[in-house]
Amino acid sequence: MIRLIQSYLIDFTCIVAIAVVIYIISMTQIVGDTWSIHVPDSFLQLNTIFLSIIIEAIPFVLIGVLIAGFIQIFVTEDHIRRLLPKNRILAVAMSCVVGALFPACECGIVPIVRRLVSKGVPIYAAVGFLLTGPLINPIVILSTYMAFGNDFKMAGLRMGVGFIIAFVIAVITSFLFKTNQLKHSVEDFQSIASVTTKKISFSEKIMGMLKHSIDEFFDMGKYLIIGALFAAFIQTYVSAKSLLVFGDGIVGSTGIMMGLAYFLSLCSEADAFIGASFRNLFPSSAILAFLVFGPMIDLKNTIMLISAFKAKFVFVLLFLITSVVFLSTIFINFL
């Protein structure tokens, strides 16, 4: 109990300390005017980008941790066994379809996937849900349609190609990994959730759901902050124009756009508008790679995944996503 309280205090103190630093940095212009302290413009730009990423991601993380808390309290292993097909191909297909209908950001979906896996969902089915959730949900498709001038071609390609890529990666994962790949054992989650097996009232279940949601938020929030800081640093100090030099040819342009998608760490509900701005510089297949790769995996998402799953699994998944997306979009260019 004492260790648990200490863990909460450390998490809370870290987040408060980071919030104080952010506030101080945000007030540097006033401080500079008062005390004649010069703060580099690039540092202020880093602060602005960092805050924009956090503000953009926090609502989806909150939704994600609430859903994770609901799953922890109200969804049992028996429910999972009854709903999920035993055949791995059917299970992957079902998870991809459910993910496609589920409006989630790549940040908010990580705690949901971790909780599903702890409840007995096979890792390959979880991967299908993880990849399609931020990529093909109705909000993302609508924003893509609008970003490309009310043209359904790119939105349709993003939806169709993204679904196939997610399905293929999840099937490959089913052959590579047989265990759940959680960083913490299932027994740890079960010990936390042991109270749910008792006869408790609905109001107590709601309180338990909120408690688990708070736990998830503090657990995932610090990694979101670290990932957002890295992404803001790269956006500030690595010039996009310098990357465009290597973007000649279909291979180079596809690689550059995938690299931008990874390091910019944009929210999938808004990345289509950024991708559309590159239409005059890169071919459509490279833009498609940007739109498919980013929601599946990016820098802040990678850090959050490493906090929940074994590092080997995360890096293998990163390699699979990169390889399949790259080869698929190159192939599409020649059709």
Protein backbone atom coordinates (compact mmCIF):
# COMPACT_ATOMS: atom_id res chain seq x y z
CA MET A 1 0.00 0.00 0.00
CA ILE A 2 2.85 2.36 0.92
CA ARG A 3 4.61 1.60 -2.38
CA LEU A 4 1.39 2.29 -4.29
CA ILE A 5 0.97 5.67 -2.56
CA GLN A 6 4.63 6.51 -3.22
CA SER A 7 4.19 5.62 -6.90
CA TYR A 8 1.15 7.90 -7.19
CA LEU A 9 3.00 10.72 -5.42
CA ILE A 10 5.98 10.40 -7.76
CA ASP A 11 3.75 10.39 -10.87
CA PHE A 12 1.71 13.33 -9.60
CA THR A 13 4.79 15.29 -8.57
CA CYS A 14 6.43 14.72 -11.97
CA ILE A 15 3.36 15.92 -13.86
CA VAL A 16 2.97 18.96 -11.59
CA ALA A 17 6.67 19.80 -12.01
CA ILE A 18 6.39 19.55 -15.80
CA ALA A 19 3.26 21.73 -15.73
CA VAL A 20 5.11 24.35 -13.69
CA VAL A 21 8.02 24.31 -16.14
CA ILE A 22 5.61 24.69 -19.06
CA TYR A 23 3.95 27.64 -17.33
CA ILE A 24 7.29 29.30 -16.63
CA ILE A 25 8.41 28.81 -20.23
CA SER A 26 5.10 30.20 -21.48
CA MET A 27 5.68 33.32 -19.39
CA THR A 28 9.23 33.86 -20.62
CA GLN A 29 8.28 36.73 -22.91
CA ILE A 30 6.84 38.66 -19.93
CA VAL A 31 9.83 37.73 -17.81
CA GLY A 32 12.17 38.78 -20.60
CA ASP A 33 10.52 42.18 -20.88
CA THR A 34 10.70 42.70 -17.12
CA TRP A 35 14.20 41.38 -16.36
CA SER A 36 15.80 41.81 -19.81
CA ILE A 37 16.36 38.08 -20.19
CA HIS A 38 16.73 36.98 -23.80
CA VAL A 39 15.01 33.71 -24.69
CA PRO A 40 15.79 32.27 -28.15
CA ASP A 41 12.91 32.32 -30.60
CA SER A 42 13.51 28.64 -31.36
CA PHE A 43 12.95 27.81 -27.68
CA LEU A 44 9.65 29.65 -27.70
CA GLN A 45 8.71 27.81 -30.91
CA LEU A 46 9.55 24.48 -29.25
CA ASN A 47 7.32 25.43 -26.32
CA THR A 48 4.43 26.37 -28.65
CA ILE A 49 4.68 23.12 -30.63
CA PHE A 50 4.98 21.06 -27.45
CA LEU A 51 1.88 22.65 -25.93
CA SER A 52 -0.09 22.22 -29.17
CA ILE A 53 0.72 18.50 -29.26
CA ILE A 54 -0.27 18.05 -25.61
CA ILE A 55 -3.51 20.05 -25.97
CA GLU A 56 -4.36 18.11 -29.14
CA ALA A 57 -3.72 14.71 -27.56
CA ILE A 58 -5.05 15.10 -24.00
CA PRO A 59 -8.80 14.91 -24.87
CA PHE A 60 -8.27 11.62 -26.73
CA VAL A 61 -6.09 10.24 -23.93
CA LEU A 62 -8.83 11.08 -21.41
CA ILE A 63 -11.43 9.30 -23.56
CA GLY A 64 -9.04 6.36 -23.92
CA VAL A 65 -8.37 5.96 -20.19
CA LEU A 66 -12.10 6.18 -19.40
CA ILE A 67 -12.80 3.40 -21.90
CA ALA A 68 -9.89 1.41 -20.43
CA GLY A 69 -11.41 1.86 -16.96
CA PHE A 70 -14.80 0.70 -18.26
CA ILE A 71 -13.21 -2.40 -19.80
CA GLN A 72 -11.36 -3.16 -16.56
CA ILE A 73 -14.52 -3.08 -14.41
CA PHE A 74 -17.39 -4.12 -16.69
CA VAL A 75 -15.78 -6.45 -19.27
CA THR A 76 -14.74 -9.90 -18.08
CA GLU A 77 -12.56 -12.57 -19.66
CA ASP A 78 -15.72 -14.61 -20.34
CA HIS A 79 -17.17 -11.75 -22.39
CA ILE A 80 -13.97 -11.66 -24.47
CA ARG A 81 -14.00 -15.42 -25.07
CA ARG A 82 -17.64 -15.38 -26.20
CA LEU A 83 -17.28 -12.41 -28.55
CA LEU A 84 -13.91 -13.11 -30.17
CA PRO A 85 -13.69 -15.85 -32.83
CA LYS A 86 -11.23 -18.64 -32.03
CA ASN A 87 -9.90 -18.69 -35.59
CA ARG A 88 -6.98 -16.24 -35.73
CA ILE A 89 -7.84 -14.92 -39.22
CA LEU A 90 -11.45 -14.24 -38.24
CA ALA A 91 -10.29 -12.70 -34.96
CA VAL A 92 -7.93 -10.34 -36.82
CA ALA A 93 -10.65 -9.42 -39.33
CA MET A 94 -13.13 -8.70 -36.54
CA SER A 95 -10.62 -6.56 -34.62
CA CYS A 96 -9.81 -4.54 -37.75
CA VAL A 97 -13.50 -3.90 -38.43
CA VAL A 98 -14.17 -2.88 -34.83
CA GLY A 99 -11.14 -0.57 -34.93
CA ALA A 100 -12.35 1.00 -38.18
CA LEU A 101 -15.64 1.93 -36.52
CA PHE A 102 -14.02 3.19 -33.33
CA PRO A 103 -13.12 6.92 -33.23
CA ALA A 104 -9.80 6.90 -31.38
CA CYS A 105 -6.51 8.77 -31.58
CA GLU A 106 -3.20 6.87 -31.69
CA CYS A 107 -2.47 8.17 -28.17
CA GLY A 108 -5.83 7.32 -26.63
CA ILE A 109 -5.94 3.83 -28.10
CA VAL A 110 -2.80 2.57 -26.32
CA PRO A 111 -4.36 2.27 -22.83
CA ILE A 112 -7.44 0.65 -24.37
CA VAL A 113 -5.33 -1.97 -26.17
CA ARG A 114 -3.27 -2.67 -23.06
CA ARG A 115 -6.41 -3.23 -21.03
CA LEU A 116 -7.95 -5.49 -23.70
CA VAL A 117 -4.80 -7.63 -23.84
CA SER A 118 -4.75 -7.91 -20.04
CA LYS A 119 -8.34 -9.18 -20.27
CA GLY A 120 -7.39 -11.98 -22.64
CA VAL A 121 -7.58 -10.51 -26.15
CA PRO A 122 -4.82 -12.17 -28.25
CA ILE A 123 -1.98 -9.84 -29.14
CA TYR A 124 -2.60 -10.22 -32.89
CA ALA A 125 -6.26 -9.16 -32.52
CA ALA A 126 -5.14 -6.23 -30.38
CA VAL A 127 -2.71 -5.16 -33.10
CA GLY A 128 -5.50 -5.12 -35.68
CA PHE A 129 -7.55 -2.86 -33.41
CA LEU A 130 -4.50 -0.72 -32.58
CA LEU A 131 -3.69 -0.03 -36.24
CA THR A 132 -7.16 0.55 -37.70
CA GLY A 133 -8.63 2.56 -34.80
CA PRO A 134 -6.71 5.81 -35.42
CA LEU A 135 -6.52 5.29 -39.19
CA ILE A 136 -9.89 4.36 -40.64
CA ASN A 137 -12.46 5.65 -38.19
CA PRO A 138 -15.27 7.84 -39.62
CA ILE A 139 -13.83 11.13 -38.31
CA VAL A 140 -10.47 10.53 -40.00
CA ILE A 141 -12.04 9.56 -43.31
CA LEU A 142 -14.27 12.65 -43.27
CA SER A 143 -11.33 14.96 -42.52
CA THR A 144 -9.31 13.34 -45.33
CA TYR A 145 -12.20 13.83 -47.75
CA MET A 146 -12.40 17.51 -46.84
CA ALA A 147 -8.63 18.10 -46.86
CA PHE A 148 -8.31 16.88 -50.44
CA GLY A 149 -11.00 19.15 -51.83
CA ASN A 150 -14.02 16.90 -51.24
CA ASP A 151 -12.37 14.22 -53.37
CA PHE A 152 -13.05 10.70 -52.11
CA LYS A 153 -10.12 9.12 -54.00
CA MET A 154 -7.46 9.72 -51.34
CA ALA A 155 -9.91 9.04 -48.49
CA GLY A 156 -10.92 5.77 -50.15
CA LEU A 157 -7.28 4.76 -50.71
CA ARG A 158 -6.44 5.57 -47.10
CA MET A 159 -9.35 3.47 -45.89
CA GLY A 160 -8.87 0.49 -48.22
CA VAL A 161 -5.07 0.28 -48.29
CA GLY A 162 -4.84 1.01 -44.57
CA PHE A 163 -7.27 -1.79 -43.72
CA ILE A 164 -5.37 -4.32 -45.84
CA ILE A 165 -2.00 -3.28 -44.37
CA ALA A 166 -3.34 -3.50 -40.82
CA PHE A 167 -4.82 -6.95 -41.52
CA VAL A 168 -1.54 -8.24 -43.01
CA ILE A 169 0.56 -6.91 -40.12
CA ALA A 170 -1.81 -8.39 -37.52
CA VAL A 171 -1.70 -11.81 -39.25
CA ILE A 172 2.11 -11.72 -39.36
CA THR A 173 2.13 -10.80 -35.67
CA SER A 174 0.02 -13.87 -34.90
CA PHE A 175 2.87 -16.09 -36.16
CA LEU A 176 5.68 -14.14 -34.49
CA PHE A 177 4.28 -13.70 -30.97
CA LYS A 178 2.38 -16.31 -28.99
CA THR A 179 2.15 -14.52 -25.63
CA ASN A 180 0.48 -11.22 -24.70
CA GLN A 181 3.79 -9.22 -24.71
CA LEU A 182 2.69 -7.02 -21.82
CA LYS A 183 5.52 -5.43 -19.85
CA HIS A 184 3.69 -6.33 -16.63
CA SER A 185 2.25 -9.81 -16.15
CA VAL A 186 -1.46 -10.54 -16.41
CA GLU A 187 -1.36 -11.56 -12.75
CA ASP A 188 -0.55 -7.95 -11.84
CA PHE A 189 -3.64 -6.73 -13.67
CA GLN A 190 -5.75 -9.50 -12.16
CA SER A 191 -4.61 -8.62 -8.64
CA ILE A 192 -5.60 -5.01 -9.28
CA ALA A 193 -8.96 -6.10 -10.65
CA SER A 194 -9.69 -8.74 -8.01
CA VAL A 195 -12.20 -6.41 -6.38
CA THR A 196 -14.38 -6.64 -9.50
CA THR A 197 -15.15 -10.29 -8.79
CA LYS A 198 -17.03 -9.36 -5.63
CA LYS A 199 -20.68 -8.42 -5.43
CA ILE A 200 -20.59 -4.64 -5.50
CA SER A 201 -23.14 -1.99 -6.33
CA PHE A 202 -23.27 -0.09 -9.61
CA SER A 203 -22.09 3.12 -7.95
CA GLU A 204 -19.08 1.29 -6.53
CA LYS A 205 -18.31 -0.03 -10.01
CA ILE A 206 -18.42 3.50 -11.39
CA MET A 207 -16.03 4.64 -8.68
CA GLY A 208 -13.77 1.70 -9.48
CA MET A 209 -13.87 2.60 -13.18
CA LEU A 210 -12.85 6.19 -12.39
CA LYS A 211 -10.06 4.97 -10.12
CA HIS A 212 -8.64 2.74 -12.84
CA SER A 213 -9.00 5.58 -15.36
CA ILE A 214 -6.97 7.86 -13.10
CA ASP A 215 -4.32 5.15 -12.73
CA GLU A 216 -4.12 4.80 -16.52
CA PHE A 217 -3.92 8.55 -17.02
CA PHE A 218 -0.99 9.00 -14.64
CA ASP A 219 0.71 5.92 -16.07
CA MET A 220 0.37 6.93 -19.73
CA GLY A 221 0.44 10.72 -19.30
CA LYS A 222 4.11 10.97 -18.45
CA TYR A 223 5.08 9.03 -21.57
CA LEU A 224 2.83 11.24 -23.69
CA ILE A 225 4.68 14.28 -22.32
CA ILE A 226 8.09 12.74 -23.08
CA GLY A 227 7.02 11.80 -26.61
CA ALA A 228 5.51 15.23 -27.26
CA LEU A 229 8.73 16.89 -26.09
CA PHE A 230 10.84 14.79 -28.46
CA ALA A 231 8.47 15.49 -31.36
CA ALA A 232 8.49 19.24 -30.63
CA PHE A 233 12.31 19.26 -30.45
CA ILE A 234 12.61 17.58 -33.85
CA GLN A 235 10.03 19.87 -35.45
CA THR A 236 11.88 22.90 -34.09
CA TYR A 237 15.51 22.04 -34.78
CA VAL A 238 15.29 19.73 -37.83
CA SER A 239 14.39 21.69 -40.95
CA ALA A 240 11.76 20.12 -43.19
CA LYS A 241 13.42 21.74 -46.21
CA SER A 242 16.64 19.88 -45.48
CA LEU A 243 14.71 16.62 -45.62
CA LEU A 244 13.15 17.50 -48.98
CA VAL A 245 16.61 17.36 -50.56
CA PHE A 246 16.49 13.57 -50.21
CA GLY A 247 12.98 13.32 -51.62
CA ASP A 248 13.84 12.78 -55.28
CA GLY A 249 12.23 9.73 -56.87
CA ILE A 250 9.41 7.57 -55.60
CA VAL A 251 11.58 5.69 -53.07
CA GLY A 252 13.09 8.86 -51.61
CA SER A 253 9.81 10.78 -51.49
CA THR A 254 8.00 7.88 -49.83
CA GLY A 255 10.74 7.52 -47.23
CA ILE A 256 10.75 11.26 -46.51
CA MET A 257 6.97 11.44 -46.08
CA MET A 258 6.97 8.43 -43.76
CA GLY A 259 9.78 10.01 -41.75
CA LEU A 260 7.82 13.24 -41.46
CA ALA A 261 4.72 11.33 -40.36
CA TYR A 262 6.70 9.56 -37.64
CA PHE A 263 8.53 12.56 -36.20
CA LEU A 264 5.80 15.18 -36.57
CA SER A 265 3.47 12.95 -34.49
CA LEU A 266 0.32 14.62 -35.77
CA CYS A 267 -3.14 13.68 -34.59
CA SER A 268 -4.81 11.42 -37.17
CA GLU A 269 -7.91 13.64 -37.21
CA ALA A 270 -5.82 16.56 -38.57
CA ASP A 271 -2.87 15.05 -40.45
CA ALA A 272 -4.71 14.97 -43.79
CA PHE A 273 -4.56 18.78 -44.04
CA ILE A 274 -0.76 18.66 -43.58
CA GLY A 275 -0.46 15.83 -46.10
CA ALA A 276 -2.54 17.70 -48.65
CA SER A 277 -0.10 20.63 -48.48
CA PHE A 278 2.63 18.40 -49.99
CA ARG A 279 0.61 17.53 -53.12
CA ASN A 280 2.70 19.82 -55.34
CA LEU A 281 5.98 18.37 -54.06
CA PHE A 282 5.46 14.61 -53.89
CA PRO A 283 3.47 11.93 -55.79
CA SER A 284 0.14 10.68 -54.48
CA SER A 285 1.62 7.37 -53.32
CA ALA A 286 4.08 9.21 -51.04
CA ILE A 287 1.21 11.28 -49.61
CA LEU A 288 -0.71 8.05 -49.04
CA ALA A 289 2.28 6.60 -47.17
CA PHE A 290 2.24 9.71 -44.93
CA LEU A 291 -1.49 9.29 -44.23
CA VAL A 292 -1.28 5.55 -43.49
CA PHE A 293 2.01 5.36 -41.59
CA GLY A 294 1.54 8.25 -39.15
CA PRO A 295 -1.68 7.05 -37.45
CA MET A 296 -0.31 3.51 -37.17
CA ILE A 297 2.93 4.50 -35.45
CA ASP A 298 4.67 7.76 -34.60
CA LEU A 299 7.25 8.96 -32.10
CA LYS A 300 5.00 9.72 -29.12
CA ASN A 301 2.94 6.59 -29.82
CA THR A 302 6.12 4.46 -29.83
CA ILE A 303 7.14 5.77 -26.41
CA MET A 304 3.67 5.08 -25.01
CA LEU A 305 3.72 1.54 -26.45
CA ILE A 306 7.13 0.86 -24.88
CA SER A 307 5.66 1.85 -21.52
CA ALA A 308 2.96 -0.82 -21.88
CA PHE A 309 4.52 -3.63 -23.94
CA LYS A 310 7.90 -5.35 -24.18
CA ALA A 311 10.45 -3.33 -26.13
CA LYS A 312 11.22 -6.21 -28.51
CA PHE A 313 7.57 -6.46 -29.52
CA VAL A 314 7.28 -2.70 -30.07
CA PHE A 315 10.39 -2.52 -32.27
CA VAL A 316 9.34 -5.58 -34.30
CA LEU A 317 5.92 -3.98 -34.77
CA LEU A 318 7.60 -0.72 -35.83
CA PHE A 319 9.70 -2.62 -38.38
CA LEU A 320 6.66 -4.49 -39.74
CA ILE A 321 4.58 -1.33 -40.10
CA THR A 322 7.43 0.55 -41.78
CA SER A 323 8.23 -2.27 -44.21
CA VAL A 324 4.66 -3.14 -45.20
CA VAL A 325 3.55 0.49 -45.61
CA PHE A 326 6.66 1.37 -47.62
CA LEU A 327 6.45 -1.62 -49.98
CA SER A 328 2.66 -1.33 -50.38
CA THR A 329 2.69 2.35 -51.33
CA ILE A 330 5.64 1.85 -53.70
CA PHE A 331 3.67 -0.96 -55.38
CA ILE A 332 0.58 1.24 -55.67
CA ASN A 333 2.64 3.88 -57.48
CA PHE A 334 3.27 1.47 -60.35
CA LEU A 335 -0.36 0.41 -60.77
